[in-house]
C-alpha atoms as a PDB file:
ATOM      1  CA  MET A   1       0.845  -9.036 -16.161  1.00  0.00           C
ATOM      2  CA  THR A   2       2.352  -7.657 -13.028  1.00  0.00           C
ATOM      3  CA  GLY A   3       0.655  -6.937  -9.772  1.00  0.00           C
ATOM      4  CA  ALA A   4       0.626  -4.318  -7.082  1.00  0.00           C
ATOM      5  CA  TYR A   5      -0.535  -5.107  -3.596  1.00  0.00           C
ATOM      6  CA  PHE A   6      -2.265  -2.356  -1.317  1.00  0.00           C
ATOM      7  CA  ASP A   7      -2.449  -3.056   2.396  1.00  0.00           C
ATOM      8  CA  THR A   8      -5.333  -1.979   4.540  1.00  0.00           C
ATOM      9  CA  ASN A   9      -3.831   1.541   5.522  1.00  0.00           C
ATOM     10  CA  VAL A  10      -4.125   2.684   1.950  1.00  0.00           C
ATOM     11  CA  PHE A  11      -7.799   1.879   1.976  1.00  0.00           C
ATOM     12  CA  MET A  12      -8.476   3.289   5.353  1.00  0.00           C
ATOM     13  CA  ASP A  13      -6.858   6.595   4.383  1.00  0.00           C
ATOM     14  CA  ILE A  14      -9.439   6.724   1.366  1.00  0.00           C
ATOM     15  CA  PHE A  15     -12.498   5.762   3.597  1.00  0.00           C
ATOM     16  CA  LEU A  16     -11.506   8.080   6.553  1.00  0.00           C
ATOM     17  CA  ALA A  17     -10.479  10.868   4.018  1.00  0.00           C
ATOM     18  CA  THR A  18      -7.197  11.639   5.487  1.00  0.00           C
ATOM     19  CA  PRO A  19      -4.754  14.071   4.022  1.00  0.00           C
ATOM     20  CA  ALA A  20      -3.050  11.028   2.077  1.00  0.00           C
ATOM     21  CA  ALA A  21      -6.472   9.857   0.479  1.00  0.00           C
ATOM     22  CA  PRO A  22      -6.108  11.969  -2.702  1.00  0.00           C
ATOM     23  CA  GLY A  23      -2.579  10.344  -3.442  1.00  0.00           C
ATOM     24  CA  SER A  24      -3.901   6.990  -2.579  1.00  0.00           C
ATOM     25  CA  ARG A  25      -6.877   7.233  -4.781  1.00  0.00           C
ATOM     26  CA  ALA A  26      -4.854   8.505  -7.738  1.00  0.00           C
ATOM     27  CA  LEU A  27      -2.332   5.510  -7.047  1.00  0.00           C
ATOM     28  CA  LEU A  28      -5.070   3.012  -7.180  1.00  0.00           C
ATOM     29  CA  ARG A  29      -6.212   4.348 -10.632  1.00  0.00           C
ATOM     30  CA  GLU A  30      -2.643   4.555 -12.183  1.00  0.00           C
ATOM     31  CA  PRO A  31      -1.689   0.964 -12.396  1.00  0.00           C
ATOM     32  CA  LYS A  32      -5.150   0.141 -14.095  1.00  0.00           C
ATOM     33  CA  ARG A  33      -3.979   2.380 -17.035  1.00  0.00           C
ATOM     34  CA  ASP A  34      -0.814   0.411 -17.195  1.00  0.00           C
ATOM     35  CA  LYS A  35      -2.803  -2.817 -17.060  1.00  0.00           C
ATOM     36  CA  VAL A  36      -1.214  -3.788 -13.646  1.00  0.00           C
ATOM     37  CA  ARG A  37      -3.558  -5.770 -11.375  1.00  0.00           C
ATOM     38  CA  ILE A  38      -4.223  -4.402  -8.193  1.00  0.00           C
ATOM     39  CA  TYR A  39      -4.642  -6.882  -5.099  1.00  0.00           C
ATOM     40  CA  THR A  40      -5.545  -6.589  -1.388  1.00  0.00           C
ATOM     41  CA  SER A  41      -6.406  -9.247   1.103  1.00  0.00           C
ATOM     42  CA  ILE A  42      -9.728 -10.256   2.528  1.00  0.00           C
ATOM     43  CA  ILE A  43      -7.999  -8.943   5.866  1.00  0.00           C
ATOM     44  CA  THR A  44      -8.260  -5.448   4.358  1.00  0.00           C
ATOM     45  CA  VAL A  45     -12.130  -5.861   4.011  1.00  0.00           C
ATOM     46  CA  GLN A  46     -12.217  -6.936   7.620  1.00  0.00           C
ATOM     47  CA  GLY A  47     -10.054  -3.855   8.782  1.00  0.00           C
ATOM     48  CA  VAL A  48     -12.039  -1.274   6.898  1.00  0.00           C
ATOM     49  CA  SER A  49     -15.458  -2.579   7.748  1.00  0.00           C
ATOM     50  CA  VAL A  50     -14.981  -2.309  11.416  1.00  0.00           C
ATOM     51  CA  LEU A  51     -15.905   1.505  11.274  1.00  0.00           C
ATOM     52  CA  SER A  52     -19.262   0.853   9.463  1.00  0.00           C
ATOM     53  CA  PHE A  53     -20.283  -1.520  12.341  1.00  0.00           C
ATOM     54  CA  ARG A  54     -19.477   0.766  15.198  1.00  0.00           C
ATOM     55  CA  ALA A  55     -22.459   1.893  17.303  1.00  0.00           C
ATOM     56  CA  GLY A  56     -24.440   4.767  15.865  1.00  0.00           C
ATOM     57  CA  ARG A  57     -22.868   4.329  12.312  1.00  0.00           C
ATOM     58  CA  THR A  58     -24.961   3.444   9.177  1.00  0.00           C
ATOM     59  CA  PHE A  59     -23.941   0.271   7.666  1.00  0.00           C
ATOM     60  CA  ASP A  60     -21.535   0.831   4.633  1.00  0.00           C
ATOM     61  CA  ASP A  61     -20.780  -2.089   2.179  1.00  0.00           C
ATOM     62  CA  ASN A  62     -17.025  -1.597   2.255  1.00  0.00           C
ATOM     63  CA  HIS A  63     -16.385  -4.865   0.741  1.00  0.00           C
ATOM     64  CA  ALA A  64     -18.122  -3.697  -2.395  1.00  0.00           C
ATOM     65  CA  LYS A  65     -15.989  -0.630  -2.374  1.00  0.00           C
ATOM     66  CA  VAL A  66     -12.656  -2.364  -1.945  1.00  0.00           C
ATOM     67  CA  ASN A  67     -13.644  -4.850  -4.636  1.00  0.00           C
ATOM     68  CA  LYS A  68     -14.133  -1.963  -7.155  1.00  0.00           C
ATOM     69  CA  MET A  69     -10.657  -0.908  -6.425  1.00  0.00           C
ATOM     70  CA  ALA A  70      -8.878  -4.006  -6.197  1.00  0.00           C
ATOM     71  CA  ARG A  71      -8.966  -7.890  -6.544  1.00  0.00           C
ATOM     72  CA  ILE A  72      -9.586  -9.257  -3.195  1.00  0.00           C
ATOM     73  CA  GLN A  73      -7.501 -12.479  -2.265  1.00  0.00           C
ATOM     74  CA  THR A  74      -8.576 -14.869   0.217  1.00  0.00           C
ATOM     75  CA  ILE A  75      -6.146 -16.633   2.745  1.00  0.00           C
ATOM     76  CA  THR A  76      -4.947 -19.821   1.211  1.00  0.00           C
ATOM     77  CA  ARG A  77      -2.942 -22.569   2.716  1.00  0.00           C
ATOM     78  CA  GLU A  78       0.374 -21.249   0.997  1.00  0.00           C
ATOM     79  CA  ILE A  79      -0.400 -17.732   2.320  1.00  0.00           C
ATOM     80  CA  ALA A  80      -1.052 -18.976   5.861  1.00  0.00           C
ATOM     81  CA  LEU A  81       2.216 -20.959   5.924  1.00  0.00           C
ATOM     82  CA  THR A  82       4.153 -18.089   4.399  1.00  0.00           C
ATOM     83  CA  ALA A  83       2.764 -15.675   7.001  1.00  0.00           C
ATOM     84  CA  ALA A  84       3.553 -18.051   9.804  1.00  0.00           C
ATOM     85  CA  LYS A  85       7.255 -18.377   8.339  1.00  0.00           C
ATOM     86  CA  LEU A  86       7.590 -14.522   8.177  1.00  0.00           C
ATOM     87  CA  GLU A  87       6.295 -14.064  11.650  1.00  0.00           C
ATOM     88  CA  ALA A  88       8.678 -16.729  12.990  1.00  0.00           C
ATOM     89  CA  GLN A  89      11.514 -14.730  11.350  1.00  0.00           C
ATOM     90  CA  MET A  90      10.342 -11.531  12.979  1.00  0.00           C
ATOM     91  CA  ILE A  91      10.063 -13.161  16.349  1.00  0.00           C
ATOM     92  CA  ASP A  92      13.576 -14.502  16.031  1.00  0.00           C
ATOM     93  CA  LEU A  93      14.842 -11.087  15.154  1.00  0.00           C
ATOM     94  CA  THR A  94      13.102  -9.624  18.166  1.00  0.00           C
ATOM     95  CA  PRO A  95      14.823  -9.491  21.606  1.00  0.00           C
ATOM     96  CA  GLN A  96      13.622 -11.995  23.950  1.00  0.00           C
ATOM     97  CA  LYS A  97      11.955  -9.575  26.362  1.00  0.00           C
ATOM     98  CA  ASP A  98       9.852  -7.985  23.433  1.00  0.00           C
ATOM     99  CA  GLN A  99       8.779 -11.385  21.941  1.00  0.00           C
ATOM    100  CA  THR A 100       5.102 -11.025  22.971  1.00  0.00           C
ATOM    101  CA  GLU A 101       1.952 -11.783  21.009  1.00  0.00           C
ATOM    102  CA  ASN A 102       1.590  -8.883  18.396  1.00  0.00           C
ATOM    103  CA  ARG A 103      -1.692  -8.939  16.299  1.00  0.00           C
ATOM    104  CA  ARG A 104      -0.324  -6.021  14.020  1.00  0.00           C
ATOM    105  CA  ARG A 105       2.732  -8.143  13.198  1.00  0.00           C
ATOM    106  CA  LYS A 106       0.509 -11.077  12.354  1.00  0.00           C
ATOM    107  CA  TRP A 107      -1.711  -8.885  10.135  1.00  0.00           C
ATOM    108  CA  ASP A 108       1.523  -7.444   8.377  1.00  0.00           C
ATOM    109  CA  CYS A 109       2.748 -10.940   7.724  1.00  0.00           C
ATOM    110  CA  PHE A 110      -0.450 -11.833   6.070  1.00  0.00           C
ATOM    111  CA  HIS A 111      -0.251  -8.856   3.832  1.00  0.00           C
ATOM    112  CA  ILE A 112       3.322  -9.475   2.968  1.00  0.00           C
ATOM    113  CA  ALA A 113       2.728 -13.345   2.380  1.00  0.00           C
ATOM    114  CA  THR A 114      -0.390 -12.487   0.162  1.00  0.00           C
ATOM    115  CA  ALA A 115       1.740 -10.056  -1.991  1.00  0.00           C
ATOM    116  CA  MET A 116       4.449 -12.677  -2.340  1.00  0.00           C
ATOM    117  CA  ALA A 117       1.959 -15.444  -3.299  1.00  0.00           C
ATOM    118  CA  LEU A 118       0.388 -13.415  -5.864  1.00  0.00           C
ATOM    119  CA  GLY A 119       3.827 -12.499  -7.314  1.00  0.00           C
ATOM    120  CA  CYS A 120       3.258  -8.551  -6.854  1.00  0.00           C
ATOM    121  CA  SER A 121       6.197  -6.485  -7.743  1.00  0.00           C
ATOM    122  CA  ALA A 122       5.079  -3.676  -5.430  1.00  0.00           C
ATOM    123  CA  LEU A 123       3.428  -3.372  -1.841  1.00  0.00           C
ATOM    124  CA  TYR A 124       1.975   0.000  -1.035  1.00  0.00           C
ATOM    125  CA  THR A 125       1.426   0.922   2.655  1.00  0.00           C
ATOM    126  CA  THR A 126       1.203   4.074   4.844  1.00  0.00           C
ATOM    127  CA  ASP A 127       2.560   2.250   7.716  1.00  0.00           C
ATOM    128  CA  ARG A 128       6.123   3.072   8.605  1.00  0.00           C
ATOM    129  CA  GLY A 129       6.502  -0.252  10.451  1.00  0.00           C
ATOM    130  CA  MET A 130       5.479  -2.315   7.487  1.00  0.00           C
ATOM    131  CA  LEU A 131       7.965  -0.332   5.292  1.00  0.00           C
ATOM    132  CA  ALA A 132      10.735  -1.268   7.536  1.00  0.00           C
ATOM    133  CA  LYS A 133       9.751  -5.127   7.342  1.00  0.00           C
ATOM    134  CA  GLN A 134      11.178  -5.362   3.828  1.00  0.00           C
ATOM    135  CA  SER A 135      14.833  -4.776   4.795  1.00  0.00           C
ATOM    136  CA  ARG A 136      14.336  -6.199   8.323  1.00  0.00           C
ATOM    137  CA  LEU A 137      13.124  -9.607   6.584  1.00  0.00           C
ATOM    138  CA  SER A 138      15.432  -9.329   3.551  1.00  0.00           C
ATOM    139  CA  ILE A 139      12.459  -9.499   1.136  1.00  0.00           C
ATOM    140  CA  ARG A 140      13.445  -9.385  -2.500  1.00  0.00           C
ATOM    141  CA  GLY A 141      11.454  -9.074  -5.461  1.00  0.00           C
ATOM    142  CA  ILE A 142       8.676  -6.866  -3.837  1.00  0.00           C
ATOM    143  CA  ARG A 143       9.302  -3.056  -3.468  1.00  0.00           C
ATOM    144  CA  PHE A 144       7.560  -1.684  -0.510  1.00  0.00           C
ATOM    145  CA  MET A 145       6.433   1.981  -1.049  1.00  0.00           C
ATOM    146  CA  GLU A 146       4.401   4.650   0.442  1.00  0.00           C
ATOM    147  CA  PRO A 147       1.833   6.523  -1.611  1.00  0.00           C
ATOM    148  CA  LEU A 148       2.738  10.214  -1.757  1.00  0.00           C
ATOM    149  CA  ARG A 149       0.829  12.856   0.273  1.00  0.00           C
ATOM    150  CA  LYS A 150       1.932  15.877  -1.667  1.00  0.00           C
ATOM    151  CA  LYS A 151       1.931  16.859  -5.251  1.00  0.00           C
ATOM    152  CA  TRP A 152       5.241  16.003  -7.070  1.00  0.00           C
ATOM    153  CA  ILE A 153       6.498  16.413 -10.505  1.00  0.00           C
ATOM    154  CA  CYS A 154       8.163  13.258 -12.023  1.00  0.00           C
ATOM    155  CA  SER A 155       8.940  13.584 -15.772  1.00  0.00           C
ATOM    156  CA  PRO A 156       8.410  15.818 -18.711  1.00  0.00           C
ATOM    157  CA  ARG A 157       5.649  13.977 -19.883  1.00  0.00           C
ATOM    158  CA  THR A 158       3.551  13.843 -16.731  1.00  0.00           C
ATOM    159  CA  VAL A 159       2.920  16.807 -14.398  1.00  0.00           C
ATOM    160  CA  LEU A 160       1.487  16.468 -10.979  1.00  0.00           C
ATOM    161  CA  ARG A 161       0.481  12.942 -11.024  1.00  0.00           C
ATOM    162  CA  ALA A 162       1.646  11.304  -7.866  1.00  0.00           C
ATOM    163  CA  PRO A 163       1.495   7.474  -9.001  1.00  0.00           C
ATOM    164  CA  LEU A 164       4.211   7.955 -11.585  1.00  0.00           C
ATOM    165  CA  CYS A 165       6.397   9.708  -9.002  1.00  0.00           C
ATOM    166  CA  ILE A 166       6.459   6.624  -6.833  1.00  0.00           C
ATOM    167  CA  ARG A 167       7.493   4.395  -9.823  1.00  0.00           C
ATOM    168  CA  SER A 168      10.117   6.958 -11.223  1.00  0.00           C
ATOM    169  CA  ASP A 169      13.590   7.134 -10.456  1.00  0.00           C
ATOM    170  CA  PHE A 170      13.342  10.955 -10.857  1.00  0.00           C
ATOM    171  CA  ILE A 171      11.514  12.518  -7.937  1.00  0.00           C
ATOM    172  CA  LEU A 172      11.320  16.170  -7.112  1.00  0.00           C
ATOM    173  CA  PRO A 173       9.036  17.825  -4.519  1.00  0.00           C
ATOM    174  CA  ILE A 174       7.942  21.268  -5.782  1.00  0.00           C
ATOM    175  CA  SER A 175       5.994  24.128  -4.587  1.00  0.00           C
ATOM    176  CA  PRO A 176       3.349  26.081  -6.822  1.00  0.00           C
ATOM    177  CA  SER A 177       5.657  28.991  -7.193  1.00  0.00           C
ATOM    178  CA  ALA A 178       8.680  26.810  -8.073  1.00  0.00           C
ATOM    179  CA  LYS A 179      10.606  27.781 -11.194  1.00  0.00           C
ATOM    180  CA  LEU A 180      11.512  24.760 -13.375  1.00  0.00           C
ATOM    181  CA  PRO A 181      14.462  25.695 -15.586  1.00  0.00           C
ATOM    182  CA  PHE A 182      14.800  22.091 -16.831  1.00  0.00           C
ATOM    183  CA  LEU A 183      11.032  21.875 -17.839  1.00  0.00           C
ATOM    184  CA  PRO A 184      10.236  25.303 -19.228  1.00  0.00           C
ATOM    185  CA  ARG A 185       7.108  24.477 -21.007  1.00  0.00           C
ATOM    186  CA  TYR A 186       5.363  23.094 -18.020  1.00  0.00           C
ATOM    187  CA  ARG A 187       3.663  25.312 -15.481  1.00  0.00           C
ATOM    188  CA  VAL A 188       2.529  24.225 -11.884  1.00  0.00           C
END
């Protein structure tokens, strides 16, 4: 069984109801239909829980919400050492003057290391910096992808289902008034 990893930003979009939330929510449902396991890190629980502990806010059990959507992986020795190796690589690739302590870089390394340890074939994020790390670190075996924010059409059998668009080799953005000569029986 393959796995898909979702970083904190995808869950933050859902909890904060950003414009990307519907696509992210649909994307989280799609792999379950295909019997793909969805994973995230305990770091995600920390990240999405900060908002519920802010002054003047009511407590919200975001751990339970994340747990309903994905399997939560704790940090193991293997994950910690892999994250350290990835961070060392990133520091070595950074010019000397910019080699400062960077908490975001550290969290990104933990997310990538967790996806690697779990053998995930995909890592979903809405963070452009994280998306760039795949090529920067020459990571193979995991495809870094962004959930779609718009409605797309992907294949003759599936209309307006964003998750399949991300996995499909055929992607076409459309507008509601678009004419689709190659798919005459489908209306948008």
